[in-house]
Each structure stands twice: as structure tokens, then as C-alpha cells.
Amino acid sequence: MDVSVLVPTYNRPGALVKAVKSTLDQSRQPEEVVVVDDASDRSYEEARSKLRSLSEETDTVVRYHRMDTNGGACRARNEAARRAEGGILMFLDDDDVWEPHKIAGQLSRFADQPNLGLVYSGRKVIDHQGNMLYKVYPQAEGNLQREILQRNLIGTTSSVAIRSVVFEKVGEFDESMPALQDYDLWIRVACETPIGYDPKCTVKWQIHSESDDQMGGNPEIYQQAFSSIRKKYKSKFKRLDLLEKRLFDSYKYTSLATKYGRVSYKVKLFYALKSLMSYPTISGASKILPMPIWYLARRVYNRLV
């Protein structure tokens, strides 16, 4: 199975080199890496030169395309997918990196279970200095049509490998969505094909400080995105029982607590409490705790499980 790694990038040339290098350092290297620059303001000439040098030492083809206008990460991912030639597509954000056996582990799952259309993996959550904060292990696989409507079980795009035929059939990332484009895609995929996972944490997923842009922006767009999800899959949500609907509400309010935490602690607390009232979860409770204490609790939990 030929593998294409799709890497959207914007104004992070140094991080891009590290991300792509982690794909070339794999025990099973990809056939190609397709980088799409989302009309960055910063120069990528030095980064492109480094990538050419790195690719010459491998059998992997690294291709670079620059968009004329900025359209967001999902448009860049879609463009990369259109240019990709592999039967397996793997996404990698430019500020994340992979552990050396990420590709091999996911391809092994596809080989063992040919009916799987998507395989995701666990991830190590790190800060901007590379310090590991905690781990997130996969929890569900198989037919996830109902479970995926309750929360985003799959998580970050950097952990996902998907068959190109499935990606084309379900219709790419929805660029009209204001946010949650990945969650929207996973819902469509789960309704089309069984999903599997590699239990190992093979992705180093970086979270940023409050001054960075990963989880910032206008929190209201996430309100709109959750409303769009409910409307888009209205008939599917109607089939859920009361508990399942409350689990979705809990997930929604937990997510909003995270987003509004960049604006106001009072608003963050409001949504955290709404999450716990809908359905008490560890994630919801975590939004009440100061982040250093939450990170410590997660690390202790990871050691116990």
C-alpha cells in the first residue's frame, strides 16, 4: 500500500522541517510527502532547501505547493489530497511530529483487517518546548456510527490514516464549516466504514500557550460549528437515546469551556459546569482545575492504566 503524507503549513517553516523529517525517519517510509503552503507570509526557501536535502537521502518524494490565497488548514489538506497518489493518506500538521513506527503500525492494522477504512493512533500531548504533558490512548474501534456522534473519539488529524477511496467517497473536509472540520469528516467516515486503531502513542501532538493561535480565535465559531453538526446530522442524532444525546452535550460544553477559557475564566467555568450537569466526565471536571494540576493528574492516571 503506497502511503502519501499530507502536510498543510502556514508561517512555520522551521516546524515544517521537523515534521517532514519525522516522516522520513520512519521505519517504513512513505512513498511521498505532499506539503501545501497556505499562502504563508514568511519565506520557505530555506525550509524547502532542507527538505530537498533530506529527501535525497531517502526513496520518498517530497513535493511542495504554495496556494495563491490563504484558505485555512482544511482547504490545504484537501488540495494535498487531490495531488496525492497513494492509496493510504496520512495527515500531519506542521507543528506535530511522528514516532518512528507510526506508519508501520497503522499499515499493519490495514493489512490485518482489510475492511477498515480508517486507522487512528494514540498521542503524546506535548508543550511548545517538547515536554510531554500526558498521553491519550485510543478507546474505541469497529462500527462507531453511534459513538462518534457522542464525541470526537478519533481526535487530531495527525493521528489518522485513511484509505484514499474512502476519503474521496465521503467528500473531503467540509470547507464551509466554521470549525470542527475534522470531527465532521470522522462522522461521515464512521457512517461509511469500520474504524480501527493502533494502541501505541505514535504522535507528538503539540498544544500551545494562550498567546498562540491553535486554540484561540473567536470561540463563537465553535458554537456555530456544533450547531452545524447537529443540523447536518439531524436524522442521525434523532436515533440516539437520551443518555447518548447528553454525552454529546457534555462533549460540546467541555469543548466550549476550552475555547472560552482563552477569553474569560467565568465563561469557561460556566460551560464546564454545564458539561458536568449534562453528564459528568473527567474532561469536564478538568476544566475547573488549574492546568498544571490537570496535567499532573493526567500523568498519574497514565501511569496507573
C-alpha atoms as a PDB file:
ATOM      1  CA  MET A   1       0.000   0.000   0.000  1.00  0.00           C
ATOM      2  CA  ASP A   2       1.530   3.275  -1.126  1.00  0.00           C
ATOM      3  CA  VAL A   3       1.426   6.000   1.509  1.00  0.00           C
ATOM      4  CA  SER A   4       1.028   9.729   0.920  1.00  0.00           C
ATOM      5  CA  VAL A   5       1.637  12.060   3.860  1.00  0.00           C
ATOM      6  CA  LEU A   6      -0.286  15.350   3.601  1.00  0.00           C
ATOM      7  CA  VAL A   7       1.200  18.326   5.442  1.00  0.00           C
ATOM      8  CA  PRO A   8      -0.548  21.729   5.499  1.00  0.00           C
ATOM      9  CA  THR A   9       1.692  24.563   6.652  1.00  0.00           C
ATOM     10  CA  TYR A  10       1.362  28.255   7.422  1.00  0.00           C
ATOM     11  CA  ASN A  11       4.144  30.555   8.644  1.00  0.00           C
ATOM     12  CA  ARG A  12       6.065  27.768  10.378  1.00  0.00           C
ATOM     13  CA  PRO A  13       8.979  26.837   8.091  1.00  0.00           C
ATOM     14  CA  GLY A  14      11.203  25.628  10.935  1.00  0.00           C
ATOM     15  CA  ALA A  15       8.485  23.420  12.407  1.00  0.00           C
ATOM     16  CA  LEU A  16       7.676  22.079   8.937  1.00  0.00           C
ATOM     17  CA  VAL A  17      11.193  20.717   8.524  1.00  0.00           C
ATOM     18  CA  LYS A  18      10.932  18.863  11.840  1.00  0.00           C
ATOM     19  CA  ALA A  19       7.516  17.468  10.923  1.00  0.00           C
ATOM     20  CA  VAL A  20       8.587  16.220   7.493  1.00  0.00           C
ATOM     21  CA  LYS A  21      11.846  14.811   8.895  1.00  0.00           C
ATOM     22  CA  SER A  22       9.783  12.676  11.284  1.00  0.00           C
ATOM     23  CA  THR A  23       8.049  11.122   8.253  1.00  0.00           C
ATOM     24  CA  LEU A  24      11.364  10.412   6.539  1.00  0.00           C
ATOM     25  CA  ASP A  25      12.767   8.832   9.728  1.00  0.00           C
ATOM     26  CA  GLN A  26      10.019   6.210   9.764  1.00  0.00           C
ATOM     27  CA  SER A  27      10.877   2.519   9.936  1.00  0.00           C
ATOM     28  CA  ARG A  28       8.561   2.213   6.947  1.00  0.00           C
ATOM     29  CA  GLN A  29       8.983   5.363   4.870  1.00  0.00           C
ATOM     30  CA  PRO A  30       6.112   6.871   2.844  1.00  0.00           C
ATOM     31  CA  GLU A  31       6.188   6.942  -0.933  1.00  0.00           C
ATOM     32  CA  GLU A  32       5.540  10.686  -0.962  1.00  0.00           C
ATOM     33  CA  VAL A  33       5.077  13.721   1.247  1.00  0.00           C
ATOM     34  CA  VAL A  34       2.836  16.455  -0.154  1.00  0.00           C
ATOM     35  CA  VAL A  35       3.360  19.835   1.507  1.00  0.00           C
ATOM     36  CA  VAL A  36       0.804  22.588   0.850  1.00  0.00           C
ATOM     37  CA  ASP A  37       1.770  26.078   1.953  1.00  0.00           C
ATOM     38  CA  ASP A  38      -1.393  28.032   2.752  1.00  0.00           C
ATOM     39  CA  ALA A  39      -0.066  31.329   1.307  1.00  0.00           C
ATOM     40  CA  SER A  40       2.377  31.990   4.149  1.00  0.00           C
ATOM     41  CA  ASP A  41       3.761  35.457   4.791  1.00  0.00           C
ATOM     42  CA  ARG A  42       7.137  34.035   5.794  1.00  0.00           C
ATOM     43  CA  SER A  43       9.752  32.736   3.363  1.00  0.00           C
ATOM     44  CA  TYR A  44      10.037  28.965   2.949  1.00  0.00           C
ATOM     45  CA  GLU A  45      13.114  28.976   0.730  1.00  0.00           C
ATOM     46  CA  GLU A  46      15.479  27.713   3.418  1.00  0.00           C
ATOM     47  CA  ALA A  47      12.960  25.113   4.573  1.00  0.00           C
ATOM     48  CA  ARG A  48      12.448  23.870   1.019  1.00  0.00           C
ATOM     49  CA  SER A  49      16.194  23.566   0.551  1.00  0.00           C
ATOM     50  CA  LYS A  50      16.490  21.482   3.724  1.00  0.00           C
ATOM     51  CA  LEU A  51      13.601  19.281   2.639  1.00  0.00           C
ATOM     52  CA  ARG A  52      15.244  18.647  -0.732  1.00  0.00           C
ATOM     53  CA  SER A  53      18.436  17.590   1.029  1.00  0.00           C
ATOM     54  CA  LEU A  54      16.562  15.296   3.408  1.00  0.00           C
ATOM     55  CA  SER A  55      14.528  13.662   0.649  1.00  0.00           C
ATOM     56  CA  GLU A  56      17.642  12.942  -1.433  1.00  0.00           C
ATOM     57  CA  GLU A  57      18.776  10.591   1.327  1.00  0.00           C
ATOM     58  CA  THR A  58      15.584   8.525   1.039  1.00  0.00           C
ATOM     59  CA  ASP A  59      13.312   6.994  -1.602  1.00  0.00           C
ATOM     60  CA  THR A  60      10.484   9.343  -0.585  1.00  0.00           C
ATOM     61  CA  VAL A  61       9.388  12.102  -2.956  1.00  0.00           C
ATOM     62  CA  VAL A  62       8.732  15.415  -1.159  1.00  0.00           C
ATOM     63  CA  ARG A  63       6.568  17.819  -3.157  1.00  0.00           C
ATOM     64  CA  TYR A  64       5.763  21.423  -2.264  1.00  0.00           C
ATOM     65  CA  HIS A  65       2.832  23.517  -3.473  1.00  0.00           C
ATOM     66  CA  ARG A  66       2.007  27.076  -2.456  1.00  0.00           C
ATOM     67  CA  MET A  67      -1.602  28.313  -2.508  1.00  0.00           C
ATOM     68  CA  ASP A  68      -2.284  31.726  -4.036  1.00  0.00           C
ATOM     69  CA  THR A  69      -4.520  32.827  -1.161  1.00  0.00           C
ATOM     70  CA  ASN A  70      -4.904  31.792   2.457  1.00  0.00           C
ATOM     71  CA  GLY A  71      -7.865  29.461   2.939  1.00  0.00           C
ATOM     72  CA  GLY A  72      -7.187  27.554   6.131  1.00  0.00           C
ATOM     73  CA  ALA A  73      -5.683  24.196   7.029  1.00  0.00           C
ATOM     74  CA  CYS A  74      -8.587  22.103   5.742  1.00  0.00           C
ATOM     75  CA  ARG A  75      -8.510  23.648   2.296  1.00  0.00           C
ATOM     76  CA  ALA A  76      -4.764  22.960   2.254  1.00  0.00           C
ATOM     77  CA  ARG A  77      -5.376  19.339   3.290  1.00  0.00           C
ATOM     78  CA  ASN A  78      -7.951  18.905   0.540  1.00  0.00           C
ATOM     79  CA  GLU A  79      -5.539  20.349  -2.008  1.00  0.00           C
ATOM     80  CA  ALA A  80      -2.810  17.999  -0.827  1.00  0.00           C
ATOM     81  CA  ALA A  81      -5.196  15.035  -1.094  1.00  0.00           C
ATOM     82  CA  ARG A  82      -6.064  15.957  -4.673  1.00  0.00           C
ATOM     83  CA  ARG A  83      -2.369  15.949  -5.543  1.00  0.00           C
ATOM     84  CA  ALA A  84      -1.586  12.726  -3.666  1.00  0.00           C
ATOM     85  CA  GLU A  85      -1.111   9.417  -5.451  1.00  0.00           C
ATOM     86  CA  GLY A  86      -1.060   6.950  -2.562  1.00  0.00           C
ATOM     87  CA  GLY A  87      -3.795   4.521  -1.623  1.00  0.00           C
ATOM     88  CA  ILE A  88      -3.349   5.459   2.046  1.00  0.00           C
ATOM     89  CA  LEU A  89      -3.495   9.111   3.093  1.00  0.00           C
ATOM     90  CA  MET A  90      -1.912  10.213   6.359  1.00  0.00           C
ATOM     91  CA  PHE A  91      -2.280  13.738   7.703  1.00  0.00           C
ATOM     92  CA  LEU A  92       0.388  15.588   9.671  1.00  0.00           C
ATOM     93  CA  ASP A  93       0.108  19.154  10.974  1.00  0.00           C
ATOM     94  CA  ASP A  94       3.280  21.181  10.622  1.00  0.00           C
ATOM     95  CA  ASP A  95       3.736  21.605  14.393  1.00  0.00           C
ATOM     96  CA  ASP A  96       3.387  17.884  15.187  1.00  0.00           C
ATOM     97  CA  VAL A  97       5.841  15.015  14.735  1.00  0.00           C
ATOM     98  CA  TRP A  98       5.584  11.245  14.495  1.00  0.00           C
ATOM     99  CA  GLU A  99       7.333   8.474  16.377  1.00  0.00           C
ATOM    100  CA  PRO A 100       9.384   6.159  14.076  1.00  0.00           C
ATOM    101  CA  HIS A 101       6.852   3.296  13.897  1.00  0.00           C
ATOM    102  CA  LYS A 102       3.699   5.311  13.212  1.00  0.00           C
ATOM    103  CA  ILE A 103       3.329   4.352   9.555  1.00  0.00           C
ATOM    104  CA  ALA A 104       4.274   0.701  10.076  1.00  0.00           C
ATOM    105  CA  GLY A 105       1.830   0.286  12.944  1.00  0.00           C
ATOM    106  CA  GLN A 106      -1.128   1.661  11.038  1.00  0.00           C
ATOM    107  CA  LEU A 107      -0.343  -0.217   7.843  1.00  0.00           C
ATOM    108  CA  SER A 108      -0.230  -3.401   9.913  1.00  0.00           C
ATOM    109  CA  ARG A 109      -3.811  -2.775  11.052  1.00  0.00           C
ATOM    110  CA  PHE A 110      -4.967  -2.203   7.456  1.00  0.00           C
ATOM    111  CA  ALA A 111      -3.248  -5.431   6.390  1.00  0.00           C
ATOM    112  CA  ASP A 112      -4.735  -7.461   9.247  1.00  0.00           C
ATOM    113  CA  GLN A 113      -8.257  -6.089   8.690  1.00  0.00           C
ATOM    114  CA  PRO A 114      -8.824  -5.127   5.041  1.00  0.00           C
ATOM    115  CA  ASN A 115     -12.352  -3.908   5.850  1.00  0.00           C
ATOM    116  CA  LEU A 116     -11.009  -0.959   7.874  1.00  0.00           C
ATOM    117  CA  GLY A 117     -11.294   2.375   6.114  1.00  0.00           C
ATOM    118  CA  LEU A 118      -9.539   4.473   8.758  1.00  0.00           C
ATOM    119  CA  VAL A 119      -6.953   3.748  11.445  1.00  0.00           C
ATOM    120  CA  TYR A 120      -6.014   6.248  14.146  1.00  0.00           C
ATOM    121  CA  SER A 121      -3.401   6.073  16.872  1.00  0.00           C
ATOM    122  CA  GLY A 122      -2.714   7.312  20.380  1.00  0.00           C
ATOM    123  CA  ARG A 123      -0.852  10.551  21.001  1.00  0.00           C
ATOM    124  CA  LYS A 124       1.566  12.166  23.394  1.00  0.00           C
ATOM    125  CA  VAL A 125       0.464  15.684  24.270  1.00  0.00           C
ATOM    126  CA  ILE A 126       3.489  17.997  24.456  1.00  0.00           C
ATOM    127  CA  ASP A 127       4.072  21.686  25.129  1.00  0.00           C
ATOM    128  CA  HIS A 128       5.946  24.087  22.823  1.00  0.00           C
ATOM    129  CA  GLN A 129       9.259  23.037  24.405  1.00  0.00           C
ATOM    130  CA  GLY A 130       8.648  19.364  23.670  1.00  0.00           C
ATOM    131  CA  ASN A 131       7.871  18.353  27.260  1.00  0.00           C
ATOM    132  CA  MET A 132       5.295  15.574  27.473  1.00  0.00           C
ATOM    133  CA  LEU A 133       2.214  16.615  29.442  1.00  0.00           C
ATOM    134  CA  TYR A 134       0.182  13.409  29.220  1.00  0.00           C
ATOM    135  CA  LYS A 135      -0.884  10.620  26.851  1.00  0.00           C
ATOM    136  CA  VAL A 136      -4.191   9.996  25.104  1.00  0.00           C
ATOM    137  CA  TYR A 137      -4.879   6.356  24.274  1.00  0.00           C
ATOM    138  CA  PRO A 138      -7.422   5.178  21.674  1.00  0.00           C
ATOM    139  CA  GLN A 139     -10.582   3.808  23.219  1.00  0.00           C
ATOM    140  CA  ALA A 140     -12.968   2.612  20.533  1.00  0.00           C
ATOM    141  CA  GLU A 141     -12.935   0.808  17.214  1.00  0.00           C
ATOM    142  CA  GLY A 142     -15.254  -1.119  14.932  1.00  0.00           C
ATOM    143  CA  ASN A 143     -18.633   0.278  13.966  1.00  0.00           C
ATOM    144  CA  LEU A 144     -18.589   3.741  15.571  1.00  0.00           C
ATOM    145  CA  GLN A 145     -21.658   5.264  13.921  1.00  0.00           C
ATOM    146  CA  ARG A 146     -23.353   5.970  17.258  1.00  0.00           C
ATOM    147  CA  GLU A 147     -20.265   6.589  19.385  1.00  0.00           C
ATOM    148  CA  ILE A 148     -18.806   9.206  17.051  1.00  0.00           C
ATOM    149  CA  LEU A 149     -21.973  11.292  17.434  1.00  0.00           C
ATOM    150  CA  GLN A 150     -21.361  11.488  21.174  1.00  0.00           C
ATOM    151  CA  ARG A 151     -17.824  12.908  20.973  1.00  0.00           C
ATOM    152  CA  ASN A 152     -14.787  13.077  18.745  1.00  0.00           C
ATOM    153  CA  LEU A 153     -13.250   9.697  19.553  1.00  0.00           C
ATOM    154  CA  ILE A 154     -10.629   9.924  16.818  1.00  0.00           C
ATOM    155  CA  GLY A 155      -9.106  13.278  17.669  1.00  0.00           C
ATOM    156  CA  THR A 156      -6.339  15.098  15.852  1.00  0.00           C
ATOM    157  CA  THR A 157      -5.829  14.712  12.117  1.00  0.00           C
ATOM    158  CA  SER A 158      -2.130  13.971  12.743  1.00  0.00           C
ATOM    159  CA  SER A 159      -3.079  10.563  14.165  1.00  0.00           C
ATOM    160  CA  VAL A 160      -5.195   9.457  11.194  1.00  0.00           C
ATOM    161  CA  ALA A 161      -4.510   7.171   8.252  1.00  0.00           C
ATOM    162  CA  ILE A 162      -7.374   6.754   5.782  1.00  0.00           C
ATOM    163  CA  ARG A 163      -7.864   4.895   2.523  1.00  0.00           C
ATOM    164  CA  SER A 164      -7.959   7.394  -0.341  1.00  0.00           C
ATOM    165  CA  VAL A 165     -11.078   5.739  -1.802  1.00  0.00           C
ATOM    166  CA  VAL A 166     -12.911   6.332   1.487  1.00  0.00           C
ATOM    167  CA  PHE A 167     -11.737   9.938   1.675  1.00  0.00           C
ATOM    168  CA  GLU A 168     -12.985  10.572  -1.850  1.00  0.00           C
ATOM    169  CA  LYS A 169     -16.292   8.789  -1.246  1.00  0.00           C
ATOM    170  CA  VAL A 170     -17.259  10.707   1.903  1.00  0.00           C
ATOM    171  CA  GLY A 171     -16.348  14.037   0.354  1.00  0.00           C
ATOM    172  CA  GLU A 172     -13.143  15.517   1.834  1.00  0.00           C
ATOM    173  CA  PHE A 173     -13.054  18.129   4.612  1.00  0.00           C
ATOM    174  CA  ASP A 174     -16.073  20.438   4.519  1.00  0.00           C
ATOM    175  CA  GLU A 175     -14.534  23.876   3.918  1.00  0.00           C
ATOM    176  CA  SER A 176     -17.865  25.589   4.605  1.00  0.00           C
ATOM    177  CA  MET A 177     -17.712  24.538   8.268  1.00  0.00           C
ATOM    178  CA  PRO A 178     -16.512  27.366  10.556  1.00  0.00           C
ATOM    179  CA  ALA A 179     -14.615  24.869  12.757  1.00  0.00           C
ATOM    180  CA  LEU A 180     -14.658  21.151  13.724  1.00  0.00           C
ATOM    181  CA  GLN A 181     -13.986  20.129  10.125  1.00  0.00           C
ATOM    182  CA  ASP A 182     -12.067  17.081  11.325  1.00  0.00           C
ATOM    183  CA  TYR A 183     -14.896  15.912  13.606  1.00  0.00           C
ATOM    184  CA  ASP A 184     -17.357  16.404  10.767  1.00  0.00           C
ATOM    185  CA  LEU A 185     -15.233  14.224   8.487  1.00  0.00           C
ATOM    186  CA  TRP A 186     -14.843  11.473  11.090  1.00  0.00           C
ATOM    187  CA  ILE A 187     -18.655  11.313  11.446  1.00  0.00           C
ATOM    188  CA  ARG A 188     -19.029  10.746   7.717  1.00  0.00           C
ATOM    189  CA  VAL A 189     -16.242   8.158   7.675  1.00  0.00           C
ATOM    190  CA  ALA A 190     -17.697   6.251  10.645  1.00  0.00           C
ATOM    191  CA  CYS A 191     -21.024   6.004   8.813  1.00  0.00           C
ATOM    192  CA  GLU A 192     -19.230   4.510   5.797  1.00  0.00           C
ATOM    193  CA  THR A 193     -16.654   2.065   7.163  1.00  0.00           C
ATOM    194  CA  PRO A 194     -15.384   0.263  10.262  1.00  0.00           C
ATOM    195  CA  ILE A 195     -12.593   2.100  12.093  1.00  0.00           C
ATOM    196  CA  GLY A 196      -9.548   0.659  13.819  1.00  0.00           C
ATOM    197  CA  TYR A 197      -6.701   1.939  15.933  1.00  0.00           C
ATOM    198  CA  ASP A 198      -3.038   1.422  16.726  1.00  0.00           C
ATOM    199  CA  PRO A 199      -2.902   1.434  20.565  1.00  0.00           C
ATOM    200  CA  LYS A 200       0.571   2.971  20.688  1.00  0.00           C
ATOM    201  CA  CYS A 201       1.051   6.716  21.138  1.00  0.00           C
ATOM    202  CA  THR A 202       2.857   7.418  17.875  1.00  0.00           C
ATOM    203  CA  VAL A 203       2.054  11.130  17.508  1.00  0.00           C
ATOM    204  CA  LYS A 204       3.587  14.010  19.436  1.00  0.00           C
ATOM    205  CA  TRP A 205       0.728  16.497  19.398  1.00  0.00           C
ATOM    206  CA  GLN A 206       1.693  19.989  20.413  1.00  0.00           C
ATOM    207  CA  ILE A 207      -0.633  22.257  22.359  1.00  0.00           C
ATOM    208  CA  HIS A 208       0.135  25.933  22.513  1.00  0.00           C
ATOM    209  CA  SER A 209       0.071  28.597  25.181  1.00  0.00           C
ATOM    210  CA  GLU A 210      -2.778  31.084  25.434  1.00  0.00           C
ATOM    211  CA  SER A 211      -0.810  33.572  23.358  1.00  0.00           C
ATOM    212  CA  ASP A 212      -0.660  31.175  20.429  1.00  0.00           C
ATOM    213  CA  ASP A 213      -3.332  30.545  17.863  1.00  0.00           C
ATOM    214  CA  GLN A 214      -4.017  26.812  17.989  1.00  0.00           C
ATOM    215  CA  MET A 215      -6.922  27.012  20.421  1.00  0.00           C
ATOM    216  CA  GLY A 216      -7.563  30.714  20.262  1.00  0.00           C
ATOM    217  CA  GLY A 217      -9.564  32.757  17.842  1.00  0.00           C
ATOM    218  CA  ASN A 218     -13.227  33.589  18.181  1.00  0.00           C
ATOM    219  CA  PRO A 219     -14.914  30.990  20.446  1.00  0.00           C
ATOM    220  CA  GLU A 220     -18.279  31.775  18.860  1.00  0.00           C
ATOM    221  CA  ILE A 221     -17.281  29.914  15.696  1.00  0.00           C
ATOM    222  CA  TYR A 222     -17.264  26.716  17.754  1.00  0.00           C
ATOM    223  CA  GLN A 223     -20.801  27.449  18.920  1.00  0.00           C
ATOM    224  CA  GLN A 224     -21.730  27.758  15.249  1.00  0.00           C
ATOM    225  CA  ALA A 225     -19.813  24.611  14.331  1.00  0.00           C
ATOM    226  CA  PHE A 226     -21.576  22.457  16.933  1.00  0.00           C
ATOM    227  CA  SER A 227     -24.911  23.816  15.723  1.00  0.00           C
ATOM    228  CA  SER A 228     -23.904  22.937  12.166  1.00  0.00           C
ATOM    229  CA  ILE A 229     -23.023  19.394  13.232  1.00  0.00           C
ATOM    230  CA  ARG A 230     -26.447  18.934  14.856  1.00  0.00           C
ATOM    231  CA  LYS A 231     -28.257  20.276  11.792  1.00  0.00           C
ATOM    232  CA  LYS A 232     -26.129  18.388   9.280  1.00  0.00           C
ATOM    233  CA  TYR A 233     -26.714  15.038  11.004  1.00  0.00           C
ATOM    234  CA  LYS A 234     -30.153  15.766  12.426  1.00  0.00           C
ATOM    235  CA  SER A 235     -31.631  12.430  11.344  1.00  0.00           C
ATOM    236  CA  LYS A 236     -28.731  10.505  12.916  1.00  0.00           C
ATOM    237  CA  PHE A 237     -28.954  12.407  16.201  1.00  0.00           C
ATOM    238  CA  LYS A 238     -32.670  11.560  16.386  1.00  0.00           C
ATOM    239  CA  ARG A 239     -31.738   7.862  16.625  1.00  0.00           C
ATOM    240  CA  LEU A 240     -29.661   8.396  19.765  1.00  0.00           C
ATOM    241  CA  ASP A 241     -31.185   7.723  23.162  1.00  0.00           C
ATOM    242  CA  LEU A 242     -31.341  10.372  25.894  1.00  0.00           C
ATOM    243  CA  LEU A 243     -28.069   9.337  27.529  1.00  0.00           C
ATOM    244  CA  GLU A 244     -26.194   9.445  24.219  1.00  0.00           C
ATOM    245  CA  LYS A 245     -27.547  12.917  23.476  1.00  0.00           C
ATOM    246  CA  ARG A 246     -26.456  14.098  26.921  1.00  0.00           C
ATOM    247  CA  LEU A 247     -22.974  12.727  26.254  1.00  0.00           C
ATOM    248  CA  PHE A 248     -22.795  14.835  23.100  1.00  0.00           C
ATOM    249  CA  ASP A 249     -23.935  17.908  25.047  1.00  0.00           C
ATOM    250  CA  SER A 250     -21.298  17.212  27.684  1.00  0.00           C
ATOM    251  CA  TYR A 251     -18.614  16.959  24.995  1.00  0.00           C
ATOM    252  CA  LYS A 252     -19.837  20.164  23.363  1.00  0.00           C
ATOM    253  CA  TYR A 253     -19.781  22.157  26.602  1.00  0.00           C
ATOM    254  CA  THR A 254     -16.355  20.782  27.544  1.00  0.00           C
ATOM    255  CA  SER A 255     -15.017  21.905  24.177  1.00  0.00           C
ATOM    256  CA  LEU A 256     -16.582  25.341  24.590  1.00  0.00           C
ATOM    257  CA  ALA A 257     -15.097  25.645  28.072  1.00  0.00           C
ATOM    258  CA  THR A 258     -11.675  25.119  26.495  1.00  0.00           C
ATOM    259  CA  LYS A 259     -12.260  27.717  23.810  1.00  0.00           C
ATOM    260  CA  TYR A 260     -13.801  30.339  26.111  1.00  0.00           C
ATOM    261  CA  GLY A 261     -11.004  29.760  28.601  1.00  0.00           C
ATOM    262  CA  ARG A 262      -8.888  31.975  26.354  1.00  0.00           C
ATOM    263  CA  VAL A 263     -11.388  34.800  26.883  1.00  0.00           C
ATOM    264  CA  SER A 264     -12.832  34.564  30.391  1.00  0.00           C
ATOM    265  CA  TYR A 265     -12.416  32.145  33.307  1.00  0.00           C
ATOM    266  CA  LYS A 266     -16.006  32.848  34.390  1.00  0.00           C
ATOM    267  CA  VAL A 267     -17.350  31.813  30.992  1.00  0.00           C
ATOM    268  CA  LYS A 268     -15.043  28.796  30.996  1.00  0.00           C
ATOM    269  CA  LEU A 269     -16.414  27.775  34.406  1.00  0.00           C
ATOM    270  CA  PHE A 270     -19.982  28.284  33.180  1.00  0.00           C
ATOM    271  CA  TYR A 271     -19.509  25.815  30.322  1.00  0.00           C
ATOM    272  CA  ALA A 272     -17.556  23.391  32.487  1.00  0.00           C
ATOM    273  CA  LEU A 273     -20.481  23.243  34.915  1.00  0.00           C
ATOM    274  CA  LYS A 274     -22.954  22.814  32.031  1.00  0.00           C
ATOM    275  CA  SER A 275     -20.824  19.920  30.825  1.00  0.00           C
ATOM    276  CA  LEU A 276     -20.912  18.241  34.241  1.00  0.00           C
ATOM    277  CA  MET A 277     -24.668  18.789  34.513  1.00  0.00           C
ATOM    278  CA  SER A 278     -25.222  17.188  31.117  1.00  0.00           C
ATOM    279  CA  TYR A 279     -23.048  14.206  32.001  1.00  0.00           C
ATOM    280  CA  PRO A 280     -20.133  14.141  34.483  1.00  0.00           C
ATOM    281  CA  THR A 281     -16.825  13.301  32.806  1.00  0.00           C
ATOM    282  CA  ILE A 282     -13.166  13.627  33.706  1.00  0.00           C
ATOM    283  CA  SER A 283     -12.708  16.011  30.774  1.00  0.00           C
ATOM    284  CA  GLY A 284     -15.482  18.257  32.016  1.00  0.00           C
ATOM    285  CA  ALA A 285     -14.114  18.285  35.557  1.00  0.00           C
ATOM    286  CA  SER A 286     -10.652  19.106  34.235  1.00  0.00           C
ATOM    287  CA  LYS A 287     -11.856  22.493  33.011  1.00  0.00           C
ATOM    288  CA  ILE A 288     -12.402  23.568  36.613  1.00  0.00           C
ATOM    289  CA  LEU A 289      -8.860  22.674  37.690  1.00  0.00           C
ATOM    290  CA  PRO A 290      -5.813  24.862  37.018  1.00  0.00           C
ATOM    291  CA  MET A 291      -3.973  23.390  34.026  1.00  0.00           C
ATOM    292  CA  PRO A 292      -0.745  22.416  35.897  1.00  0.00           C
ATOM    293  CA  ILE A 293      -2.804  20.346  38.347  1.00  0.00           C
ATOM    294  CA  TRP A 294      -4.756  18.799  35.469  1.00  0.00           C
ATOM    295  CA  TYR A 295      -1.544  17.823  33.664  1.00  0.00           C
ATOM    296  CA  LEU A 296      -0.206  16.231  36.855  1.00  0.00           C
ATOM    297  CA  ALA A 297      -3.444  14.292  37.331  1.00  0.00           C
ATOM    298  CA  ARG A 298      -3.310  13.019  33.742  1.00  0.00           C
ATOM    299  CA  ARG A 299       0.283  11.850  34.133  1.00  0.00           C
ATOM    300  CA  VAL A 300      -0.628   9.964  37.311  1.00  0.00           C
ATOM    301  CA  TYR A 301      -3.625   8.418  35.543  1.00  0.00           C
ATOM    302  CA  ASN A 302      -1.434   7.340  32.596  1.00  0.00           C
ATOM    303  CA  ARG A 303       0.906   5.526  34.973  1.00  0.00           C
ATOM    304  CA  LEU A 304      -1.991   3.683  36.619  1.00  0.00           C
ATOM    305  CA  VAL A 305      -3.684   2.401  33.470  1.00  0.00           C
END
